[in-house]
N, C-alpha and C. Protein backbone atom coordinates (compact mmCIF):
# COMPACT_ATOMS: atom_id res chain seq x y z
N MET A 1 -25.14 -39.24 10.14
CA MET A 1 -24.74 -38.22 9.24
C MET A 1 -26.02 -37.47 8.82
N ILE A 2 -26.07 -36.26 8.53
CA ILE A 2 -27.11 -35.59 8.08
C ILE A 2 -27.12 -35.38 6.56
N ASN A 3 -28.35 -35.82 6.03
CA ASN A 3 -28.48 -35.55 4.53
C ASN A 3 -28.83 -34.03 4.28
N THR A 4 -27.68 -33.31 3.75
CA THR A 4 -27.89 -31.99 3.58
C THR A 4 -28.96 -31.66 2.43
N GLU A 5 -29.27 -32.46 1.62
CA GLU A 5 -30.15 -32.22 0.48
C GLU A 5 -31.53 -31.86 0.97
N TYR A 6 -31.89 -32.40 2.35
CA TYR A 6 -33.08 -32.19 2.86
C TYR A 6 -33.17 -31.62 4.11
N SER A 7 -31.98 -30.96 4.53
CA SER A 7 -31.89 -30.43 5.99
C SER A 7 -32.40 -28.85 5.74
N PRO A 8 -32.82 -28.31 6.97
CA PRO A 8 -33.14 -26.89 6.85
C PRO A 8 -32.07 -26.10 6.42
N LEU A 9 -30.88 -26.33 6.59
CA LEU A 9 -29.75 -25.52 6.12
C LEU A 9 -29.53 -25.59 4.67
N SER A 10 -30.13 -26.68 4.04
CA SER A 10 -29.92 -26.71 2.39
C SER A 10 -30.47 -25.39 1.67
N MET A 11 -31.48 -24.92 2.29
CA MET A 11 -31.99 -23.58 1.66
C MET A 11 -30.73 -22.59 1.64
N LEU A 12 -30.14 -22.40 2.72
CA LEU A 12 -29.03 -21.49 2.90
C LEU A 12 -27.77 -21.75 1.99
N SER A 13 -27.65 -23.19 2.03
CA SER A 13 -26.58 -23.48 1.07
C SER A 13 -26.83 -23.19 -0.53
N GLN A 14 -28.24 -23.23 -0.79
CA GLN A 14 -28.56 -22.96 -2.18
C GLN A 14 -28.45 -21.47 -2.41
N SER A 15 -28.81 -20.63 -1.41
CA SER A 15 -28.58 -19.23 -1.48
C SER A 15 -27.23 -18.79 -1.80
N VAL A 16 -26.34 -19.52 -1.15
CA VAL A 16 -24.93 -19.30 -1.21
C VAL A 16 -24.49 -19.47 -2.47
N LEU A 17 -24.80 -20.79 -2.98
CA LEU A 17 -24.24 -21.37 -4.37
C LEU A 17 -24.88 -20.65 -5.47
N LYS A 18 -26.14 -20.26 -5.40
CA LYS A 18 -26.68 -19.48 -6.62
C LYS A 18 -26.73 -18.13 -6.43
N ASN A 19 -26.06 -17.55 -5.35
CA ASN A 19 -26.04 -16.12 -5.17
C ASN A 19 -27.45 -15.26 -5.27
N ARG A 20 -28.37 -15.91 -4.60
CA ARG A 20 -29.77 -15.34 -4.54
C ARG A 20 -29.82 -14.55 -3.31
N PRO A 21 -30.57 -13.41 -3.33
CA PRO A 21 -30.72 -12.62 -1.92
C PRO A 21 -31.74 -13.36 -1.11
N ILE A 22 -31.69 -13.00 0.18
CA ILE A 22 -32.47 -13.54 1.18
C ILE A 22 -33.20 -12.42 2.03
N ILE A 23 -34.32 -12.69 2.60
CA ILE A 23 -34.79 -11.63 3.60
C ILE A 23 -34.81 -12.35 4.91
N ILE A 24 -34.20 -11.55 5.85
CA ILE A 24 -34.12 -12.24 7.20
C ILE A 24 -34.93 -11.18 8.14
N PHE A 25 -35.87 -11.81 8.84
CA PHE A 25 -36.53 -11.08 9.85
C PHE A 25 -35.71 -11.30 11.34
N ILE A 26 -35.45 -10.22 11.97
CA ILE A 26 -34.63 -10.24 13.12
C ILE A 26 -35.47 -9.55 14.30
N ARG A 27 -34.88 -9.57 15.43
CA ARG A 27 -35.54 -8.80 16.64
C ARG A 27 -35.82 -7.29 16.38
N ASN A 28 -36.53 -6.78 17.17
CA ASN A 28 -36.78 -5.45 17.10
C ASN A 28 -37.57 -4.92 15.91
N ASN A 29 -38.26 -5.81 15.24
CA ASN A 29 -39.11 -5.38 14.09
C ASN A 29 -38.33 -4.89 12.99
N ARG A 30 -37.13 -5.58 12.75
CA ARG A 30 -36.21 -5.31 11.66
C ARG A 30 -36.15 -6.38 10.54
N LYS A 31 -36.13 -5.93 9.33
CA LYS A 31 -35.90 -6.88 8.26
C LYS A 31 -34.58 -6.63 7.46
N LEU A 32 -33.89 -7.67 7.08
CA LEU A 32 -32.60 -7.47 6.34
C LEU A 32 -32.82 -8.25 5.01
N LEU A 33 -32.33 -7.53 4.00
CA LEU A 33 -32.47 -8.02 2.56
C LEU A 33 -31.01 -7.87 2.04
N GLY A 34 -30.43 -9.05 1.64
CA GLY A 34 -29.05 -9.16 1.17
C GLY A 34 -28.53 -10.32 0.81
N TYR A 35 -27.35 -10.49 0.47
CA TYR A 35 -26.77 -11.78 -0.17
C TYR A 35 -25.96 -12.44 0.95
N LEU A 36 -26.34 -13.72 1.04
CA LEU A 36 -25.59 -14.54 1.99
C LEU A 36 -24.31 -15.03 1.47
N ARG A 37 -23.29 -14.94 2.26
CA ARG A 37 -22.05 -15.48 1.86
C ARG A 37 -21.49 -16.73 2.70
N ALA A 38 -21.87 -16.62 3.91
CA ALA A 38 -21.57 -17.84 4.72
C ALA A 38 -22.34 -17.95 5.86
N TYR A 39 -22.40 -19.03 6.55
CA TYR A 39 -23.36 -19.41 7.82
C TYR A 39 -22.75 -20.56 8.47
N ASP A 40 -23.11 -20.80 9.64
CA ASP A 40 -22.69 -21.90 10.32
C ASP A 40 -23.95 -22.55 11.11
N LYS A 41 -23.75 -23.59 12.03
CA LYS A 41 -25.03 -24.27 12.48
C LYS A 41 -25.70 -23.56 13.49
N HIS A 42 -25.19 -22.49 14.04
CA HIS A 42 -25.81 -21.53 14.96
C HIS A 42 -26.63 -20.34 14.29
N LEU A 43 -26.58 -20.53 12.99
CA LEU A 43 -27.29 -19.45 12.05
C LEU A 43 -26.60 -18.15 12.18
N ASN A 44 -25.29 -18.11 12.69
CA ASN A 44 -24.49 -16.85 12.34
C ASN A 44 -24.26 -16.65 10.96
N LEU A 45 -24.52 -15.47 10.46
CA LEU A 45 -24.75 -15.38 9.02
C LEU A 45 -23.50 -14.08 8.57
N ILE A 46 -22.97 -14.25 7.51
CA ILE A 46 -22.20 -13.33 6.93
C ILE A 46 -22.93 -12.79 5.70
N LEU A 47 -23.10 -11.40 5.50
CA LEU A 47 -24.06 -11.00 4.53
C LEU A 47 -23.20 -9.86 3.81
N GLU A 48 -23.58 -9.61 2.55
CA GLU A 48 -23.17 -8.43 1.76
C GLU A 48 -24.25 -7.72 1.13
N ASN A 49 -24.01 -6.43 0.76
CA ASN A 49 -25.03 -5.68 0.13
C ASN A 49 -26.34 -5.74 0.90
N VAL A 50 -26.35 -5.41 1.95
CA VAL A 50 -27.44 -5.56 3.02
C VAL A 50 -28.33 -4.29 3.11
N LYS A 51 -29.55 -4.20 2.97
CA LYS A 51 -30.52 -3.11 3.27
C LYS A 51 -31.35 -3.41 4.42
N GLU A 52 -31.27 -2.64 5.53
CA GLU A 52 -31.97 -2.85 6.73
C GLU A 52 -33.19 -2.11 6.60
N LEU A 53 -34.41 -2.79 6.80
CA LEU A 53 -35.69 -1.95 6.89
C LEU A 53 -36.28 -2.16 8.28
N ARG A 54 -36.51 -0.89 8.75
CA ARG A 54 -36.99 -0.77 10.01
C ARG A 54 -38.49 -0.08 10.05
N THR A 55 -39.44 -0.59 10.90
CA THR A 55 -40.68 -0.05 10.97
C THR A 55 -40.96 0.43 12.36
N SER A 56 -41.28 1.70 12.55
CA SER A 56 -41.58 2.13 13.86
C SER A 56 -42.83 2.89 14.06
N PHE A 57 -43.41 3.13 15.04
CA PHE A 57 -44.66 3.86 15.32
C PHE A 57 -44.24 5.16 16.17
N ASN A 58 -44.83 6.16 15.83
CA ASN A 58 -44.75 7.34 16.60
C ASN A 58 -46.01 7.39 17.58
N ILE A 59 -45.97 8.44 18.27
CA ILE A 59 -47.19 8.82 19.50
C ILE A 59 -48.41 8.91 18.69
N LYS A 60 -48.54 9.37 17.53
CA LYS A 60 -49.89 9.49 16.69
C LYS A 60 -50.09 8.26 15.94
N GLN A 61 -49.46 7.21 16.13
CA GLN A 61 -49.68 5.84 15.58
C GLN A 61 -49.38 5.95 14.07
N LYS A 62 -48.52 6.95 13.71
CA LYS A 62 -48.18 7.19 12.29
C LYS A 62 -47.09 6.22 12.14
N VAL A 63 -46.89 5.50 11.01
CA VAL A 63 -45.74 4.44 10.62
C VAL A 63 -44.69 5.24 10.09
N ASN A 64 -43.44 4.89 10.53
CA ASN A 64 -42.30 5.56 10.07
C ASN A 64 -41.56 4.21 9.60
N TYR A 65 -41.02 4.54 8.31
CA TYR A 65 -40.12 3.44 7.64
C TYR A 65 -38.65 4.26 7.47
N ARG A 66 -37.62 3.16 7.89
CA ARG A 66 -36.32 3.70 7.78
C ARG A 66 -35.50 2.61 7.08
N GLU A 67 -34.42 3.09 6.34
CA GLU A 67 -33.55 2.18 5.59
C GLU A 67 -32.09 2.47 5.79
N ARG A 68 -31.30 1.51 6.11
CA ARG A 68 -29.93 1.79 6.10
C ARG A 68 -29.35 0.65 5.25
N PHE A 69 -28.13 1.07 4.69
CA PHE A 69 -27.25 0.04 3.89
C PHE A 69 -25.89 -0.31 4.47
N PHE A 70 -25.59 -1.58 4.41
CA PHE A 70 -24.20 -2.05 4.94
C PHE A 70 -23.70 -2.83 3.76
N SER A 71 -22.36 -2.50 3.57
CA SER A 71 -21.84 -3.25 2.41
C SER A 71 -21.38 -4.81 2.90
N LYS A 72 -21.19 -4.93 4.18
CA LYS A 72 -20.70 -6.22 4.82
C LYS A 72 -21.38 -6.21 6.16
N LEU A 73 -21.87 -7.46 6.69
CA LEU A 73 -22.51 -7.52 7.96
C LEU A 73 -22.24 -8.77 8.45
N ILE A 74 -22.09 -9.07 9.65
CA ILE A 74 -22.04 -10.23 10.49
C ILE A 74 -23.14 -10.20 11.44
N LEU A 75 -24.13 -11.17 11.28
CA LEU A 75 -25.22 -11.23 12.12
C LEU A 75 -25.20 -12.58 13.02
N ARG A 76 -25.43 -12.18 14.34
CA ARG A 76 -25.36 -13.36 15.38
C ARG A 76 -26.70 -14.20 15.16
N GLY A 77 -26.44 -15.36 15.19
CA GLY A 77 -27.76 -16.38 15.17
C GLY A 77 -28.78 -16.24 15.93
N ASP A 78 -28.63 -15.88 17.27
CA ASP A 78 -29.72 -15.84 18.15
C ASP A 78 -30.75 -14.56 17.93
N SER A 79 -30.30 -13.67 16.97
CA SER A 79 -31.21 -12.53 16.76
C SER A 79 -32.24 -12.99 15.45
N VAL A 80 -31.92 -13.93 14.87
CA VAL A 80 -32.66 -14.35 13.68
C VAL A 80 -33.96 -14.99 14.02
N ILE A 81 -35.02 -14.38 13.40
CA ILE A 81 -36.36 -15.07 13.70
C ILE A 81 -36.83 -15.90 12.44
N LEU A 82 -36.69 -15.36 11.26
CA LEU A 82 -37.12 -16.00 9.95
C LEU A 82 -36.25 -15.71 8.97
N VAL A 83 -35.94 -16.75 7.98
CA VAL A 83 -35.15 -16.54 7.00
C VAL A 83 -35.95 -16.95 5.68
N ILE A 84 -36.09 -16.09 4.62
CA ILE A 84 -37.00 -16.37 3.29
C ILE A 84 -36.12 -16.19 2.14
N PRO A 85 -35.83 -17.16 1.29
CA PRO A 85 -35.26 -16.95 0.12
C PRO A 85 -35.93 -16.11 -0.93
N VAL A 86 -35.40 -15.23 -1.73
CA VAL A 86 -36.15 -14.40 -2.66
C VAL A 86 -36.02 -15.07 -4.02
């Protein structure tokens, strides 16, 4: 039996219970900032009030920042790189 108090998923449980936002780094140089509502052992996430932040570079090496908003989002776990509580 896993002691959930000290497991890596306990941070996600605390984010759900305390309604705190999290930052998620995903593939293709994208970041998500939102509220976690549910998750599973594969790190599939259900998020609400999500802001996607995307960074890209053009030919002249100028940095472009883009933002999108999603009221609800289901994220597949294999695209998650890093999760940080805010």
